[in-house]
Amino acid sequence: MNSVRVTKYNPKNRDANGYYTLVDEWTSISDVGKSYQGQIFTMEQYLATEEKYIQAVEVLMQKNGVNKLKVVGLENHTHETELNLSDGKTIPRNLVKQLVKMVLREKVWGRLVVKNQFEIHFGYDYYMCFVGESLTDDIIEELQKIDGLYVEEVRSPYLIE
């Protein structure tokens, strides 16, 4: 099973154990307005990064010819009803961007699944993993072209076997 971590975190800033401790960076939308490395983290910066994560999801879907994702293990923290979410619900491609934003903004959580192809896992601190046999070298190469995102071969901690 192929698994990659797709994040804003430069692997050069990981310690010998793989922990991202060498640079203090924002990890959540709730960090907007806080100071990091002497700079105030802005909503514009947040939105630019969020858009890159969405772009990565769109690359994975497009390269696999996928038009919908199923939400598995849904946790609805704010009881948002914009998408009328429920565990196991299938989300069409035109609403996936909105769903990914909700996950990244910590309003909901869940794995996004296309059976027998791939899964998208989201973790704490703005981590995202892509898992599946359909995660090919050409998809990884396309993901690596997204400026400001890093792709690392890492087993997803949310993988259920």
C-alpha atoms as a PDB file:
ATOM      1  CA  MET A   1       0.000   0.000   0.000  1.00  0.00           C
ATOM      2  CA  ASN A   2       1.510   3.318  -1.072  1.00  0.00           C
ATOM      3  CA  SER A   3       1.340   6.160   1.429  1.00  0.00           C
ATOM      4  CA  VAL A   4       2.624   9.733   1.272  1.00  0.00           C
ATOM      5  CA  ARG A   5       2.374  12.710   3.573  1.00  0.00           C
ATOM      6  CA  VAL A   6       1.546  15.934   1.724  1.00  0.00           C
ATOM      7  CA  THR A   7       2.169  18.991   3.905  1.00  0.00           C
ATOM      8  CA  LYS A   8       3.437  22.544   4.133  1.00  0.00           C
ATOM      9  CA  TYR A   9       6.259  21.365   6.399  1.00  0.00           C
ATOM     10  CA  ASN A  10       9.751  21.284   4.889  1.00  0.00           C
ATOM     11  CA  PRO A  11      11.337  17.920   5.793  1.00  0.00           C
ATOM     12  CA  LYS A  12      14.661  19.713   6.327  1.00  0.00           C
ATOM     13  CA  ASN A  13      13.186  21.081   9.562  1.00  0.00           C
ATOM     14  CA  ARG A  14      12.648  17.660  11.147  1.00  0.00           C
ATOM     15  CA  ASP A  15      14.830  16.344  13.930  1.00  0.00           C
ATOM     16  CA  ALA A  16      16.589  12.954  13.879  1.00  0.00           C
ATOM     17  CA  ASN A  17      13.335  11.252  14.969  1.00  0.00           C
ATOM     18  CA  GLY A  18      11.291  12.877  12.208  1.00  0.00           C
ATOM     19  CA  TYR A  19       9.545  15.400  14.455  1.00  0.00           C
ATOM     20  CA  TYR A  20       8.991  18.901  13.150  1.00  0.00           C
ATOM     21  CA  THR A  21      10.628  20.783  16.005  1.00  0.00           C
ATOM     22  CA  LEU A  22      13.342  22.877  14.401  1.00  0.00           C
ATOM     23  CA  VAL A  23      11.060  25.716  13.282  1.00  0.00           C
ATOM     24  CA  ASP A  24       8.045  27.202  15.053  1.00  0.00           C
ATOM     25  CA  GLU A  25       5.190  27.322  12.500  1.00  0.00           C
ATOM     26  CA  TRP A  26       1.448  27.729  12.527  1.00  0.00           C
ATOM     27  CA  THR A  27      -0.564  24.521  12.661  1.00  0.00           C
ATOM     28  CA  SER A  28      -4.205  25.624  12.492  1.00  0.00           C
ATOM     29  CA  ILE A  29      -6.578  28.320  11.272  1.00  0.00           C
ATOM     30  CA  SER A  30      -6.815  29.360  14.934  1.00  0.00           C
ATOM     31  CA  ASP A  31      -3.214  30.596  14.645  1.00  0.00           C
ATOM     32  CA  VAL A  32      -4.208  33.476  12.332  1.00  0.00           C
ATOM     33  CA  GLY A  33      -3.156  36.704  14.036  1.00  0.00           C
ATOM     34  CA  LYS A  34      -0.394  35.063  16.102  1.00  0.00           C
ATOM     35  CA  SER A  35       3.309  35.765  15.684  1.00  0.00           C
ATOM     36  CA  TYR A  36       5.647  33.172  14.135  1.00  0.00           C
ATOM     37  CA  GLN A  37       9.318  33.837  13.488  1.00  0.00           C
ATOM     38  CA  GLY A  38       8.729  37.536  14.163  1.00  0.00           C
ATOM     39  CA  GLN A  39       5.856  37.844  11.655  1.00  0.00           C
ATOM     40  CA  ILE A  40       2.105  37.978  12.193  1.00  0.00           C
ATOM     41  CA  PHE A  41       0.429  35.032  10.473  1.00  0.00           C
ATOM     42  CA  THR A  42      -2.362  36.438   8.269  1.00  0.00           C
ATOM     43  CA  MET A  43      -5.603  35.059   6.900  1.00  0.00           C
ATOM     44  CA  GLU A  44      -4.236  35.642   3.397  1.00  0.00           C
ATOM     45  CA  GLN A  45      -1.284  33.367   4.176  1.00  0.00           C
ATOM     46  CA  TYR A  46      -3.610  30.759   5.636  1.00  0.00           C
ATOM     47  CA  LEU A  47      -5.910  30.816   2.591  1.00  0.00           C
ATOM     48  CA  ALA A  48      -2.965  30.503   0.186  1.00  0.00           C
ATOM     49  CA  THR A  49      -1.769  27.371   1.981  1.00  0.00           C
ATOM     50  CA  GLU A  50      -5.273  25.943   2.249  1.00  0.00           C
ATOM     51  CA  GLU A  51      -5.665  26.351  -1.518  1.00  0.00           C
ATOM     52  CA  LYS A  52      -2.493  24.301  -2.089  1.00  0.00           C
ATOM     53  CA  TYR A  53      -3.895  21.425  -0.041  1.00  0.00           C
ATOM     54  CA  ILE A  54      -7.124  21.581  -2.053  1.00  0.00           C
ATOM     55  CA  GLN A  55      -5.075  21.611  -5.257  1.00  0.00           C
ATOM     56  CA  ALA A  56      -3.305  18.429  -4.096  1.00  0.00           C
ATOM     57  CA  VAL A  57      -6.654  16.698  -3.487  1.00  0.00           C
ATOM     58  CA  GLU A  58      -7.830  17.810  -6.928  1.00  0.00           C
ATOM     59  CA  VAL A  59      -4.660  16.380  -8.542  1.00  0.00           C
ATOM     60  CA  LEU A  60      -5.273  13.018  -6.869  1.00  0.00           C
ATOM     61  CA  MET A  61      -8.915  12.959  -7.981  1.00  0.00           C
ATOM     62  CA  GLN A  62      -8.199  14.138 -11.533  1.00  0.00           C
ATOM     63  CA  LYS A  63      -5.335  11.700 -12.115  1.00  0.00           C
ATOM     64  CA  ASN A  64      -7.557   8.833 -10.924  1.00  0.00           C
ATOM     65  CA  GLY A  65     -10.609   9.950 -12.896  1.00  0.00           C
ATOM     66  CA  VAL A  66     -12.632  10.238  -9.689  1.00  0.00           C
ATOM     67  CA  ASN A  67     -15.779  12.372  -9.457  1.00  0.00           C
ATOM     68  CA  LYS A  68     -16.848  11.686  -5.869  1.00  0.00           C
ATOM     69  CA  LEU A  69     -15.452  10.826  -2.453  1.00  0.00           C
ATOM     70  CA  LYS A  70     -17.068   9.025   0.479  1.00  0.00           C
ATOM     71  CA  VAL A  71     -16.722  10.460   4.005  1.00  0.00           C
ATOM     72  CA  VAL A  72     -15.787   7.710   6.464  1.00  0.00           C
ATOM     73  CA  GLY A  73     -15.480   8.119  10.234  1.00  0.00           C
ATOM     74  CA  LEU A  74     -17.176  11.509  10.220  1.00  0.00           C
ATOM     75  CA  GLU A  75     -16.761  13.702  13.270  1.00  0.00           C
ATOM     76  CA  ASN A  76     -18.850  16.868  12.995  1.00  0.00           C
ATOM     77  CA  HIS A  77     -17.402  19.250  15.600  1.00  0.00           C
ATOM     78  CA  THR A  78     -19.564  22.250  14.829  1.00  0.00           C
ATOM     79  CA  HIS A  79     -22.656  20.457  13.563  1.00  0.00           C
ATOM     80  CA  GLU A  80     -22.328  22.319  10.281  1.00  0.00           C
ATOM     81  CA  THR A  81     -25.060  21.330   7.886  1.00  0.00           C
ATOM     82  CA  GLU A  82     -23.831  23.104   4.742  1.00  0.00           C
ATOM     83  CA  LEU A  83     -23.195  19.800   2.994  1.00  0.00           C
ATOM     84  CA  ASN A  84     -25.741  17.771   4.960  1.00  0.00           C
ATOM     85  CA  LEU A  85     -22.883  15.499   6.040  1.00  0.00           C
ATOM     86  CA  SER A  86     -23.290  12.058   7.488  1.00  0.00           C
ATOM     87  CA  ASP A  87     -20.895   9.167   7.909  1.00  0.00           C
ATOM     88  CA  GLY A  88     -20.710   7.212   4.661  1.00  0.00           C
ATOM     89  CA  LYS A  89     -22.129  10.048   2.565  1.00  0.00           C
ATOM     90  CA  THR A  90     -20.758  10.422  -0.950  1.00  0.00           C
ATOM     91  CA  ILE A  91     -19.634  13.941  -1.852  1.00  0.00           C
ATOM     92  CA  PRO A  92     -19.600  14.942  -5.539  1.00  0.00           C
ATOM     93  CA  ARG A  93     -16.470  16.551  -6.974  1.00  0.00           C
ATOM     94  CA  ASN A  94     -18.037  20.025  -7.126  1.00  0.00           C
ATOM     95  CA  LEU A  95     -18.422  20.001  -3.300  1.00  0.00           C
ATOM     96  CA  VAL A  96     -15.094  18.378  -2.390  1.00  0.00           C
ATOM     97  CA  LYS A  97     -13.312  21.749  -2.166  1.00  0.00           C
ATOM     98  CA  GLN A  98     -15.852  22.934   0.410  1.00  0.00           C
ATOM     99  CA  LEU A  99     -15.509  19.688   2.375  1.00  0.00           C
ATOM    100  CA  VAL A 100     -11.695  19.863   2.415  1.00  0.00           C
ATOM    101  CA  LYS A 101     -11.899  23.462   3.679  1.00  0.00           C
ATOM    102  CA  MET A 102     -14.199  22.329   6.494  1.00  0.00           C
ATOM    103  CA  VAL A 103     -11.738  19.585   7.489  1.00  0.00           C
ATOM    104  CA  LEU A 104      -8.709  21.878   7.355  1.00  0.00           C
ATOM    105  CA  ARG A 105     -10.584  24.500   9.386  1.00  0.00           C
ATOM    106  CA  GLU A 106     -11.339  21.844  12.017  1.00  0.00           C
ATOM    107  CA  LYS A 107     -15.128  22.011  11.611  1.00  0.00           C
ATOM    108  CA  VAL A 108     -15.407  18.346  10.637  1.00  0.00           C
ATOM    109  CA  TRP A 109     -13.073  15.375  10.387  1.00  0.00           C
ATOM    110  CA  GLY A 110     -13.134  12.149   8.458  1.00  0.00           C
ATOM    111  CA  ARG A 111     -11.278  10.090   5.927  1.00  0.00           C
ATOM    112  CA  LEU A 112     -12.159  10.654   2.270  1.00  0.00           C
ATOM    113  CA  VAL A 113     -12.316   7.335   0.463  1.00  0.00           C
ATOM    114  CA  VAL A 114     -12.635   5.925  -3.025  1.00  0.00           C
ATOM    115  CA  LYS A 115     -12.986   2.175  -2.522  1.00  0.00           C
ATOM    116  CA  ASN A 116     -10.187   0.117  -4.075  1.00  0.00           C
ATOM    117  CA  GLN A 117      -8.338   3.267  -5.209  1.00  0.00           C
ATOM    118  CA  PHE A 118      -7.231   5.671  -2.485  1.00  0.00           C
ATOM    119  CA  GLU A 119      -7.937   7.363   0.831  1.00  0.00           C
ATOM    120  CA  ILE A 120      -7.189  10.877   2.023  1.00  0.00           C
ATOM    121  CA  HIS A 121      -6.387  11.195   5.731  1.00  0.00           C
ATOM    122  CA  PHE A 122      -6.177  14.424   7.706  1.00  0.00           C
ATOM    123  CA  GLY A 123      -4.307  14.731  10.980  1.00  0.00           C
ATOM    124  CA  TYR A 124      -3.629  17.235  13.685  1.00  0.00           C
ATOM    125  CA  ASP A 125      -1.381  20.194  12.960  1.00  0.00           C
ATOM    126  CA  TYR A 126      -2.313  20.480   9.279  1.00  0.00           C
ATOM    127  CA  TYR A 127      -1.109  17.051   8.163  1.00  0.00           C
ATOM    128  CA  MET A 128      -2.601  15.263   5.168  1.00  0.00           C
ATOM    129  CA  CYS A 129      -1.813  11.774   3.828  1.00  0.00           C
ATOM    130  CA  PHE A 130      -2.739  10.047   0.593  1.00  0.00           C
ATOM    131  CA  VAL A 131      -2.894   6.256   0.725  1.00  0.00           C
ATOM    132  CA  GLY A 132      -3.636   3.662  -1.937  1.00  0.00           C
ATOM    133  CA  GLU A 133      -2.459   1.466  -4.743  1.00  0.00           C
ATOM    134  CA  SER A 134      -3.545   4.097  -7.274  1.00  0.00           C
ATOM    135  CA  LEU A 135      -0.993   6.540  -5.847  1.00  0.00           C
ATOM    136  CA  THR A 136       1.444   6.258  -8.751  1.00  0.00           C
ATOM    137  CA  ASP A 137       4.793   7.891  -9.457  1.00  0.00           C
ATOM    138  CA  ASP A 138       3.229  10.313 -11.948  1.00  0.00           C
ATOM    139  CA  ILE A 139       0.733  11.486  -9.310  1.00  0.00           C
ATOM    140  CA  ILE A 140       3.538  11.964  -6.799  1.00  0.00           C
ATOM    141  CA  GLU A 141       5.529  13.925  -9.394  1.00  0.00           C
ATOM    142  CA  GLU A 142       2.495  16.160 -10.047  1.00  0.00           C
ATOM    143  CA  LEU A 143       2.040  16.749  -6.306  1.00  0.00           C
ATOM    144  CA  GLN A 144       5.708  17.701  -5.979  1.00  0.00           C
ATOM    145  CA  LYS A 145       5.128  20.514  -8.495  1.00  0.00           C
ATOM    146  CA  ILE A 146       2.804  22.347  -6.088  1.00  0.00           C
ATOM    147  CA  ASP A 147       5.000  25.132  -4.747  1.00  0.00           C
ATOM    148  CA  GLY A 148       5.027  25.215  -0.968  1.00  0.00           C
ATOM    149  CA  LEU A 149       3.959  21.605  -0.407  1.00  0.00           C
ATOM    150  CA  TYR A 150       6.240  18.706   0.390  1.00  0.00           C
ATOM    151  CA  VAL A 151       5.599  15.054  -0.427  1.00  0.00           C
ATOM    152  CA  GLU A 152       7.215  12.432   1.775  1.00  0.00           C
ATOM    153  CA  GLU A 153       6.863   8.660   1.750  1.00  0.00           C
ATOM    154  CA  VAL A 154       5.372   8.131   5.206  1.00  0.00           C
ATOM    155  CA  ARG A 155       2.836   5.579   6.426  1.00  0.00           C
ATOM    156  CA  SER A 156      -0.390   7.324   7.394  1.00  0.00           C
ATOM    157  CA  PRO A 157      -1.100   7.031  11.138  1.00  0.00           C
ATOM    158  CA  TYR A 158      -4.815   6.842  10.242  1.00  0.00           C
ATOM    159  CA  LEU A 159      -4.531   3.778   8.004  1.00  0.00           C
ATOM    160  CA  ILE A 160      -7.045   1.116   8.975  1.00  0.00           C
ATOM    161  CA  GLU A 161      -6.220  -2.334   7.681  1.00  0.00           C
END
